[in-house]
Amino acid sequence: MSSYSELTINNATAQESIILALDTSSKVTSLAVAYGDRLLRSIAEVQDEKRSETLWSEIKSLLEGLGKTIADVAVFGICTGPGGFTGLRVGISAVKGFSAATNKPIVGVTSLEAAAAAAGVTGLVCVLVNAYKGEVYSQLFSVEGEGLPQSMNEPMVSSYTVALERVSDLNDLSITGDAVEPGREIINEFVASHKRDKWAANKSQCELAAAIVKIAYLRSGRQEFDNSNSLRACYVRPSEAEIKLSLGLLGSKIKRSMRSE
C-alpha cells in the first residue's frame, strides 16, 4: 500500500534536503521520504517475522524510485517507540547504521508524538497507542501553529480507563492513535459517563512515517538532532525478557547477553 500527499508547513526555515523516516513500532512498517517540507512518497506494509530481512530492500526500492540512494539522505527520522520491542530494535538499529555510515544526523520521534501529529488537529490531543493485553500507551500533547506536538505529561502504560481518567478534567480534547478503534466502546462509555461532549476521537490522517518526516523537518530547522550514540528507544514498560530476567527465569548466557546491550 502506498500513498502520496503534500506537507505544507508555514514559516519553516530548515534547509531543503532529503529526509528519510522509518516506523517499525507496530505490525505495519511505514517509510516516508521528503524534500524539505514536501512529502515525496510514503509506503506502508503489514510485516511478518522477516522484517529485519526485508527492511533494507524496501528502503532501497523507495529511494531508487525517486532517483536517490541512501547517500543522498541528509536526515534520518525514526520512531523510537513505545511499541513492539523487536520491531523497534530492527528500525533503530538500521537507522543507527545508516547514520554511522553516512555521518548524517538522526531525529528520534516517539510513536506517541507521531500519532499526535498524524491526527491533523490542533489543541490538546490525547494519544492512545495499542500496548495489547487490554492496555494502552498514552500521553497528552498540545499541538499548535506549525504542528509540532508539545508533551503535557509523561508517557505511561495502563488500562483505557486509567489513561482517560488522567485527562478527565479537560473539556476540549481530541483522542487519537491506533488504540482508538479497538477501544471505541470504552471511550464512548467514558465520554458519556463523564459528560465530555466536546471530546472527539480522531483517526490518523497519515501513516506514522509521514508524521515522523514532518517532525524531523521541523526539528532539523532547530538543529535538534540525535546520533547513533545518543539515540535511545522509548519502551515505557520492560520487555517480557527483562521481566523474566528480574525474576531469575533466564539462563546465565541470556542474562550476560542482555546486560551487555
C-alpha atoms as a PDB file:
ATOM      1  CA  MET A   1       0.000   0.000   0.000  1.00  0.00           C
ATOM      2  CA  SER A   2       1.430   3.380  -0.897  1.00  0.00           C
ATOM      3  CA  SER A   3       0.257   6.935  -0.566  1.00  0.00           C
ATOM      4  CA  TYR A   4       1.167  10.381  -1.837  1.00  0.00           C
ATOM      5  CA  SER A   5       0.472  13.740  -0.264  1.00  0.00           C
ATOM      6  CA  GLU A   6       1.978  17.150   0.344  1.00  0.00           C
ATOM      7  CA  LEU A   7       3.212  18.580   3.636  1.00  0.00           C
ATOM      8  CA  THR A   8       2.575  22.310   3.979  1.00  0.00           C
ATOM      9  CA  ILE A   9       4.430  23.897   6.897  1.00  0.00           C
ATOM     10  CA  ASN A  10       4.209  27.664   7.305  1.00  0.00           C
ATOM     11  CA  ASN A  11       7.165  29.832   8.353  1.00  0.00           C
ATOM     12  CA  ALA A  12       9.612  26.885   8.353  1.00  0.00           C
ATOM     13  CA  THR A  13      13.302  27.678   7.911  1.00  0.00           C
ATOM     14  CA  ALA A  14      15.011  24.283   7.635  1.00  0.00           C
ATOM     15  CA  GLN A  15      17.333  23.823   4.675  1.00  0.00           C
ATOM     16  CA  GLU A  16      15.863  21.951   1.711  1.00  0.00           C
ATOM     17  CA  SER A  17      17.203  18.400   1.962  1.00  0.00           C
ATOM     18  CA  ILE A  18      16.202  14.760   1.666  1.00  0.00           C
ATOM     19  CA  ILE A  19      14.703  13.284   4.840  1.00  0.00           C
ATOM     20  CA  LEU A  20      14.011   9.554   5.242  1.00  0.00           C
ATOM     21  CA  ALA A  21      11.681   8.410   8.027  1.00  0.00           C
ATOM     22  CA  LEU A  22      11.009   4.888   9.317  1.00  0.00           C
ATOM     23  CA  ASP A  23       8.401   3.440  11.659  1.00  0.00           C
ATOM     24  CA  THR A  24       8.731  -0.189  12.727  1.00  0.00           C
ATOM     25  CA  SER A  25       6.927   0.145  16.058  1.00  0.00           C
ATOM     26  CA  SER A  26       3.818  -1.843  15.088  1.00  0.00           C
ATOM     27  CA  LYS A  27       2.753  -4.657  12.779  1.00  0.00           C
ATOM     28  CA  VAL A  28       2.780  -2.116   9.932  1.00  0.00           C
ATOM     29  CA  THR A  29       6.114  -0.843   8.646  1.00  0.00           C
ATOM     30  CA  SER A  30       5.858   2.628   7.142  1.00  0.00           C
ATOM     31  CA  LEU A  31       8.522   4.603   5.296  1.00  0.00           C
ATOM     32  CA  ALA A  32       8.456   8.179   4.024  1.00  0.00           C
ATOM     33  CA  VAL A  33      10.764  10.427   2.026  1.00  0.00           C
ATOM     34  CA  ALA A  34      10.510  14.209   1.950  1.00  0.00           C
ATOM     35  CA  TYR A  35      12.405  17.022   0.292  1.00  0.00           C
ATOM     36  CA  GLY A  36      12.361  19.764   2.886  1.00  0.00           C
ATOM     37  CA  ASP A  37       8.718  20.217   3.855  1.00  0.00           C
ATOM     38  CA  ARG A  38       7.357  18.370   0.819  1.00  0.00           C
ATOM     39  CA  LEU A  39       6.445  14.709   1.156  1.00  0.00           C
ATOM     40  CA  LEU A  40       7.658  12.897  -1.958  1.00  0.00           C
ATOM     41  CA  ARG A  41       6.406   9.399  -1.250  1.00  0.00           C
ATOM     42  CA  SER A  42       5.316   7.143   1.601  1.00  0.00           C
ATOM     43  CA  ILE A  43       4.603   3.425   1.796  1.00  0.00           C
ATOM     44  CA  ALA A  44       3.080   1.185   4.445  1.00  0.00           C
ATOM     45  CA  GLU A  45       3.055  -2.606   4.550  1.00  0.00           C
ATOM     46  CA  VAL A  46       1.938  -5.199   7.076  1.00  0.00           C
ATOM     47  CA  GLN A  47       5.030  -7.124   8.135  1.00  0.00           C
ATOM     48  CA  ASP A  48       5.771 -10.658   9.244  1.00  0.00           C
ATOM     49  CA  GLU A  49       8.664 -12.064  11.235  1.00  0.00           C
ATOM     50  CA  LYS A  50      11.055 -11.381   8.329  1.00  0.00           C
ATOM     51  CA  ARG A  51      11.004  -7.588   8.767  1.00  0.00           C
ATOM     52  CA  SER A  52      14.733  -7.469   9.553  1.00  0.00           C
ATOM     53  CA  GLU A  53      15.433  -9.216   6.241  1.00  0.00           C
ATOM     54  CA  THR A  54      13.200  -7.038   4.072  1.00  0.00           C
ATOM     55  CA  LEU A  55      13.577  -3.545   5.567  1.00  0.00           C
ATOM     56  CA  TRP A  56      16.706  -2.595   3.648  1.00  0.00           C
ATOM     57  CA  SER A  57      15.298  -3.753   0.308  1.00  0.00           C
ATOM     58  CA  GLU A  58      12.123  -1.722   0.936  1.00  0.00           C
ATOM     59  CA  ILE A  59      14.153   1.403   1.768  1.00  0.00           C
ATOM     60  CA  LYS A  60      16.402   0.919  -1.255  1.00  0.00           C
ATOM     61  CA  SER A  61      13.415   0.439  -3.565  1.00  0.00           C
ATOM     62  CA  LEU A  62      11.669   3.537  -2.188  1.00  0.00           C
ATOM     63  CA  LEU A  63      14.740   5.711  -2.700  1.00  0.00           C
ATOM     64  CA  GLU A  64      15.544   4.289  -6.127  1.00  0.00           C
ATOM     65  CA  GLY A  65      12.008   5.084  -7.257  1.00  0.00           C
ATOM     66  CA  LEU A  66      12.838   8.725  -6.539  1.00  0.00           C
ATOM     67  CA  GLY A  67      16.241   8.540  -8.201  1.00  0.00           C
ATOM     68  CA  LYS A  68      18.017   8.647  -4.838  1.00  0.00           C
ATOM     69  CA  THR A  69      20.313   6.469  -2.733  1.00  0.00           C
ATOM     70  CA  ILE A  70      20.981   6.302   0.989  1.00  0.00           C
ATOM     71  CA  ALA A  71      23.933   8.643   0.433  1.00  0.00           C
ATOM     72  CA  ASP A  72      21.521  11.394  -0.668  1.00  0.00           C
ATOM     73  CA  VAL A  73      19.675  11.378   2.663  1.00  0.00           C
ATOM     74  CA  ALA A  74      20.569  14.355   4.864  1.00  0.00           C
ATOM     75  CA  VAL A  75      18.471  13.471   7.934  1.00  0.00           C
ATOM     76  CA  PHE A  76      17.086  10.166   9.217  1.00  0.00           C
ATOM     77  CA  GLY A  77      13.826  10.184  11.179  1.00  0.00           C
ATOM     78  CA  ILE A  78      12.971   7.132  13.264  1.00  0.00           C
ATOM     79  CA  CYS A  79      10.158   6.053  15.561  1.00  0.00           C
ATOM     80  CA  THR A  80      11.672   5.270  18.971  1.00  0.00           C
ATOM     81  CA  GLY A  81       8.544   3.712  20.482  1.00  0.00           C
ATOM     82  CA  PRO A  82       6.739   2.749  22.531  1.00  0.00           C
ATOM     83  CA  GLY A  83       5.623  -0.254  20.517  1.00  0.00           C
ATOM     84  CA  GLY A  84       6.724  -3.766  19.660  1.00  0.00           C
ATOM     85  CA  PHE A  85      10.161  -4.410  21.128  1.00  0.00           C
ATOM     86  CA  THR A  86      11.527  -6.481  18.255  1.00  0.00           C
ATOM     87  CA  GLY A  87      10.253  -4.121  15.579  1.00  0.00           C
ATOM     88  CA  LEU A  88      11.688  -1.083  17.360  1.00  0.00           C
ATOM     89  CA  ARG A  89      15.095  -2.694  17.652  1.00  0.00           C
ATOM     90  CA  VAL A  90      15.103  -3.517  13.937  1.00  0.00           C
ATOM     91  CA  GLY A  91      14.281   0.036  12.894  1.00  0.00           C
ATOM     92  CA  ILE A  92      16.524   1.791  15.395  1.00  0.00           C
ATOM     93  CA  SER A  93      19.474  -0.473  14.581  1.00  0.00           C
ATOM     94  CA  ALA A  94      19.012   0.221  10.871  1.00  0.00           C
ATOM     95  CA  VAL A  95      18.958   3.990  11.318  1.00  0.00           C
ATOM     96  CA  LYS A  96      21.938   3.929  13.665  1.00  0.00           C
ATOM     97  CA  GLY A  97      23.835   2.024  10.976  1.00  0.00           C
ATOM     98  CA  PHE A  98      22.802   4.484   8.253  1.00  0.00           C
ATOM     99  CA  SER A  99      23.809   7.434  10.424  1.00  0.00           C
ATOM    100  CA  ALA A 100      27.195   5.961  11.328  1.00  0.00           C
ATOM    101  CA  ALA A 101      27.920   5.022   7.697  1.00  0.00           C
ATOM    102  CA  THR A 102      26.913   8.380   6.184  1.00  0.00           C
ATOM    103  CA  ASN A 103      27.757  10.682   9.115  1.00  0.00           C
ATOM    104  CA  LYS A 104      24.258  12.172   8.901  1.00  0.00           C
ATOM    105  CA  PRO A 105      22.096  13.129  11.910  1.00  0.00           C
ATOM    106  CA  ILE A 106      19.029  11.385  13.316  1.00  0.00           C
ATOM    107  CA  VAL A 107      15.768  12.760  14.670  1.00  0.00           C
ATOM    108  CA  GLY A 108      14.133  10.354  17.106  1.00  0.00           C
ATOM    109  CA  VAL A 109      10.348  10.672  17.404  1.00  0.00           C
ATOM    110  CA  THR A 110       8.153   8.647  19.753  1.00  0.00           C
ATOM    111  CA  SER A 111       5.124   6.829  18.378  1.00  0.00           C
ATOM    112  CA  LEU A 112       3.005   8.994  20.683  1.00  0.00           C
ATOM    113  CA  GLU A 113       4.406  12.237  19.249  1.00  0.00           C
ATOM    114  CA  ALA A 114       3.988  10.944  15.708  1.00  0.00           C
ATOM    115  CA  ALA A 115       0.371   9.916  16.327  1.00  0.00           C
ATOM    116  CA  ALA A 116      -0.398  13.368  17.747  1.00  0.00           C
ATOM    117  CA  ALA A 117       0.996  14.980  14.594  1.00  0.00           C
ATOM    118  CA  ALA A 118      -0.744  12.449  12.335  1.00  0.00           C
ATOM    119  CA  ALA A 119      -4.145  13.366  13.778  1.00  0.00           C
ATOM    120  CA  GLY A 120      -4.071  16.605  11.792  1.00  0.00           C
ATOM    121  CA  VAL A 121      -5.737  18.651  14.542  1.00  0.00           C
ATOM    122  CA  THR A 122      -4.703  21.488  16.848  1.00  0.00           C
ATOM    123  CA  GLY A 123      -5.299  21.963  20.543  1.00  0.00           C
ATOM    124  CA  LEU A 124      -4.984  19.304  23.240  1.00  0.00           C
ATOM    125  CA  VAL A 125      -4.500  15.779  21.903  1.00  0.00           C
ATOM    126  CA  CYS A 126      -4.522  12.591  23.976  1.00  0.00           C
ATOM    127  CA  VAL A 127      -2.760   9.761  22.152  1.00  0.00           C
ATOM    128  CA  LEU A 128      -3.660   6.125  22.810  1.00  0.00           C
ATOM    129  CA  VAL A 129      -1.308   3.556  21.269  1.00  0.00           C
ATOM    130  CA  ASN A 130      -2.085  -0.147  21.456  1.00  0.00           C
ATOM    131  CA  ALA A 131       0.040  -1.887  24.107  1.00  0.00           C
ATOM    132  CA  TYR A 132      -2.038  -5.093  23.775  1.00  0.00           C
ATOM    133  CA  LYS A 133      -3.220  -7.259  26.684  1.00  0.00           C
ATOM    134  CA  GLY A 134      -6.004  -4.723  27.200  1.00  0.00           C
ATOM    135  CA  GLU A 135      -3.570  -1.880  27.821  1.00  0.00           C
ATOM    136  CA  VAL A 136      -2.576   1.331  26.035  1.00  0.00           C
ATOM    137  CA  TYR A 137       0.383   3.666  25.969  1.00  0.00           C
ATOM    138  CA  SER A 138      -0.886   7.202  26.486  1.00  0.00           C
ATOM    139  CA  GLN A 139       0.338  10.788  26.583  1.00  0.00           C
ATOM    140  CA  LEU A 140      -1.181  14.255  26.353  1.00  0.00           C
ATOM    141  CA  PHE A 141       0.119  16.805  23.839  1.00  0.00           C
ATOM    142  CA  SER A 142      -0.571  20.373  22.841  1.00  0.00           C
ATOM    143  CA  VAL A 143      -0.431  20.882  19.064  1.00  0.00           C
ATOM    144  CA  GLU A 144      -0.434  24.440  17.775  1.00  0.00           C
ATOM    145  CA  GLY A 145       0.947  26.580  14.951  1.00  0.00           C
ATOM    146  CA  GLU A 146       3.396  24.633  12.808  1.00  0.00           C
ATOM    147  CA  GLY A 147       2.102  21.324  14.149  1.00  0.00           C
ATOM    148  CA  LEU A 148       4.953  20.199  16.401  1.00  0.00           C
ATOM    149  CA  PRO A 149       3.464  18.277  19.379  1.00  0.00           C
ATOM    150  CA  GLN A 150       4.498  19.534  22.816  1.00  0.00           C
ATOM    151  CA  SER A 151       4.215  16.987  25.637  1.00  0.00           C
ATOM    152  CA  MET A 152       1.998  17.938  28.583  1.00  0.00           C
ATOM    153  CA  ASN A 153       2.712  14.873  30.729  1.00  0.00           C
ATOM    154  CA  GLU A 154       4.840  11.726  30.734  1.00  0.00           C
ATOM    155  CA  PRO A 155       4.040   8.624  28.671  1.00  0.00           C
ATOM    156  CA  MET A 156       2.599   5.710  30.605  1.00  0.00           C
ATOM    157  CA  VAL A 157       1.113   2.272  30.076  1.00  0.00           C
ATOM    158  CA  SER A 158      -2.237   1.468  31.673  1.00  0.00           C
ATOM    159  CA  SER A 159      -5.802   0.398  31.041  1.00  0.00           C
ATOM    160  CA  TYR A 160      -8.001   2.578  28.818  1.00  0.00           C
ATOM    161  CA  THR A 161      -9.913   3.834  31.833  1.00  0.00           C
ATOM    162  CA  VAL A 162      -6.824   4.928  33.762  1.00  0.00           C
ATOM    163  CA  ALA A 163      -5.459   6.697  30.670  1.00  0.00           C
ATOM    164  CA  LEU A 164      -8.712   8.585  30.197  1.00  0.00           C
ATOM    165  CA  GLU A 165      -9.042   9.401  33.901  1.00  0.00           C
ATOM    166  CA  ARG A 166      -5.678  11.146  33.717  1.00  0.00           C
ATOM    167  CA  VAL A 167      -7.151  13.744  31.307  1.00  0.00           C
ATOM    168  CA  SER A 168     -10.738  13.712  32.586  1.00  0.00           C
ATOM    169  CA  ASP A 169     -10.545  17.313  33.828  1.00  0.00           C
ATOM    170  CA  LEU A 170     -10.162  18.644  30.264  1.00  0.00           C
ATOM    171  CA  ASN A 171     -13.237  19.982  28.492  1.00  0.00           C
ATOM    172  CA  ASP A 172     -11.911  20.136  24.935  1.00  0.00           C
ATOM    173  CA  LEU A 173      -9.858  17.163  23.794  1.00  0.00           C
ATOM    174  CA  SER A 174      -9.007  15.163  20.690  1.00  0.00           C
ATOM    175  CA  ILE A 175      -8.259  11.479  21.177  1.00  0.00           C
ATOM    176  CA  THR A 176      -6.218   9.681  18.550  1.00  0.00           C
ATOM    177  CA  GLY A 177      -3.894   6.728  17.958  1.00  0.00           C
ATOM    178  CA  ASP A 178      -4.164   3.128  16.785  1.00  0.00           C
ATOM    179  CA  ALA A 179      -5.829   2.081  20.055  1.00  0.00           C
ATOM    180  CA  VAL A 180      -8.882   4.288  19.450  1.00  0.00           C
ATOM    181  CA  GLU A 181     -10.789   1.885  17.199  1.00  0.00           C
ATOM    182  CA  PRO A 182     -10.226  -1.245  19.343  1.00  0.00           C
ATOM    183  CA  GLY A 183     -11.298   0.711  22.424  1.00  0.00           C
ATOM    184  CA  ARG A 184     -14.039   2.868  20.929  1.00  0.00           C
ATOM    185  CA  GLU A 185     -16.768   1.304  23.105  1.00  0.00           C
ATOM    186  CA  ILE A 186     -14.777   2.008  26.285  1.00  0.00           C
ATOM    187  CA  ILE A 187     -14.026   5.561  25.120  1.00  0.00           C
ATOM    188  CA  ASN A 188     -17.652   6.262  24.235  1.00  0.00           C
ATOM    189  CA  GLU A 189     -18.846   4.972  27.610  1.00  0.00           C
ATOM    190  CA  PHE A 190     -16.281   7.107  29.430  1.00  0.00           C
ATOM    191  CA  VAL A 191     -17.231  10.225  27.432  1.00  0.00           C
ATOM    192  CA  ALA A 192     -20.927   9.665  28.193  1.00  0.00           C
ATOM    193  CA  SER A 193     -20.470   8.961  31.919  1.00  0.00           C
ATOM    194  CA  HIS A 194     -18.196  11.986  32.387  1.00  0.00           C
ATOM    195  CA  LYS A 195     -20.326  14.249  30.173  1.00  0.00           C
ATOM    196  CA  ARG A 196     -17.415  15.203  27.941  1.00  0.00           C
ATOM    197  CA  ASP A 197     -19.437  16.244  24.882  1.00  0.00           C
ATOM    198  CA  LYS A 198     -16.528  18.243  23.441  1.00  0.00           C
ATOM    199  CA  TRP A 199     -14.214  15.248  23.300  1.00  0.00           C
ATOM    200  CA  ALA A 200     -13.681  13.814  19.820  1.00  0.00           C
ATOM    201  CA  ALA A 201     -11.911  10.631  18.709  1.00  0.00           C
ATOM    202  CA  ASN A 202      -9.974  11.295  15.500  1.00  0.00           C
ATOM    203  CA  LYS A 203      -8.442   8.825  13.084  1.00  0.00           C
ATOM    204  CA  SER A 204      -4.887   9.432  11.913  1.00  0.00           C
ATOM    205  CA  GLN A 205      -4.631  11.368   8.670  1.00  0.00           C
ATOM    206  CA  CYS A 206      -1.465   9.550   7.565  1.00  0.00           C
ATOM    207  CA  GLU A 207       0.868   6.692   8.452  1.00  0.00           C
ATOM    208  CA  LEU A 208       3.319   7.406  11.278  1.00  0.00           C
ATOM    209  CA  ALA A 209       6.348   7.667   8.979  1.00  0.00           C
ATOM    210  CA  ALA A 210       4.744  10.599   7.157  1.00  0.00           C
ATOM    211  CA  ALA A 211       4.214  12.342  10.500  1.00  0.00           C
ATOM    212  CA  ILE A 212       7.760  11.499  11.604  1.00  0.00           C
ATOM    213  CA  VAL A 213       9.222  13.025   8.445  1.00  0.00           C
ATOM    214  CA  LYS A 214       7.290  16.238   9.169  1.00  0.00           C
ATOM    215  CA  ILE A 215       8.549  16.381  12.759  1.00  0.00           C
ATOM    216  CA  ALA A 216      12.095  15.594  11.589  1.00  0.00           C
ATOM    217  CA  TYR A 217      11.892  18.533   9.173  1.00  0.00           C
ATOM    218  CA  LEU A 218      10.734  20.926  11.888  1.00  0.00           C
ATOM    219  CA  ARG A 219      13.369  19.767  14.393  1.00  0.00           C
ATOM    220  CA  SER A 220      16.054  19.973  11.735  1.00  0.00           C
ATOM    221  CA  GLY A 221      15.306  23.683  11.470  1.00  0.00           C
ATOM    222  CA  ARG A 222      16.005  23.937  15.198  1.00  0.00           C
ATOM    223  CA  GLN A 223      19.138  21.769  14.979  1.00  0.00           C
ATOM    224  CA  GLU A 224      17.572  19.269  17.376  1.00  0.00           C
ATOM    225  CA  PHE A 225      19.354  16.068  16.403  1.00  0.00           C
ATOM    226  CA  ASP A 226      20.370  12.681  17.774  1.00  0.00           C
ATOM    227  CA  ASN A 227      23.204  10.480  16.572  1.00  0.00           C
ATOM    228  CA  SER A 228      23.996   6.774  16.587  1.00  0.00           C
ATOM    229  CA  ASN A 229      25.350   7.048  20.148  1.00  0.00           C
ATOM    230  CA  SER A 230      22.664   9.228  21.736  1.00  0.00           C
ATOM    231  CA  LEU A 231      19.541   7.671  20.182  1.00  0.00           C
ATOM    232  CA  ARG A 232      17.507   5.646  22.681  1.00  0.00           C
ATOM    233  CA  ALA A 233      14.324   3.620  22.426  1.00  0.00           C
ATOM    234  CA  CYS A 234      11.262   4.693  24.420  1.00  0.00           C
ATOM    235  CA  TYR A 235       9.905   1.404  25.733  1.00  0.00           C
ATOM    236  CA  VAL A 236       7.792   2.810  28.645  1.00  0.00           C
ATOM    237  CA  ARG A 237       7.488  -0.686  30.120  1.00  0.00           C
ATOM    238  CA  PRO A 238      10.019  -3.536  30.364  1.00  0.00           C
ATOM    239  CA  SER A 239      10.047  -6.307  27.784  1.00  0.00           C
ATOM    240  CA  GLU A 240       8.977  -9.862  28.620  1.00  0.00           C
ATOM    241  CA  ALA A 241      12.650 -10.885  28.629  1.00  0.00           C
ATOM    242  CA  GLU A 242      13.535  -8.127  31.096  1.00  0.00           C
ATOM    243  CA  ILE A 243      10.692  -9.169  33.385  1.00  0.00           C
ATOM    244  CA  LYS A 244      11.887 -12.780  33.301  1.00  0.00           C
ATOM    245  CA  LEU A 245      15.461 -11.597  33.939  1.00  0.00           C
ATOM    246  CA  SER A 246      14.343  -9.707  37.058  1.00  0.00           C
ATOM    247  CA  LEU A 247      12.573 -12.841  38.280  1.00  0.00           C
ATOM    248  CA  GLY A 248      15.606 -15.031  37.647  1.00  0.00           C
ATOM    249  CA  LEU A 249      13.842 -17.061  34.960  1.00  0.00           C
ATOM    250  CA  LEU A 250      16.505 -16.754  32.236  1.00  0.00           C
ATOM    251  CA  GLY A 251      19.664 -18.781  31.734  1.00  0.00           C
ATOM    252  CA  SER A 252      23.070 -17.276  32.566  1.00  0.00           C
ATOM    253  CA  LYS A 253      24.099 -16.973  28.897  1.00  0.00           C
ATOM    254  CA  ILE A 254      20.974 -14.951  28.024  1.00  0.00           C
ATOM    255  CA  LYS A 255      21.454 -12.817  31.147  1.00  0.00           C
ATOM    256  CA  ARG A 256      25.002 -11.882  30.085  1.00  0.00           C
ATOM    257  CA  SER A 257      23.788 -11.057  26.573  1.00  0.00           C
ATOM    258  CA  MET A 258      21.021  -8.741  27.810  1.00  0.00           C
ATOM    259  CA  ARG A 259      23.264  -6.968  30.297  1.00  0.00           C
ATOM    260  CA  SER A 260      25.785  -6.235  27.550  1.00  0.00           C
ATOM    261  CA  GLU A 261      23.178  -4.420  25.395  1.00  0.00           C
END
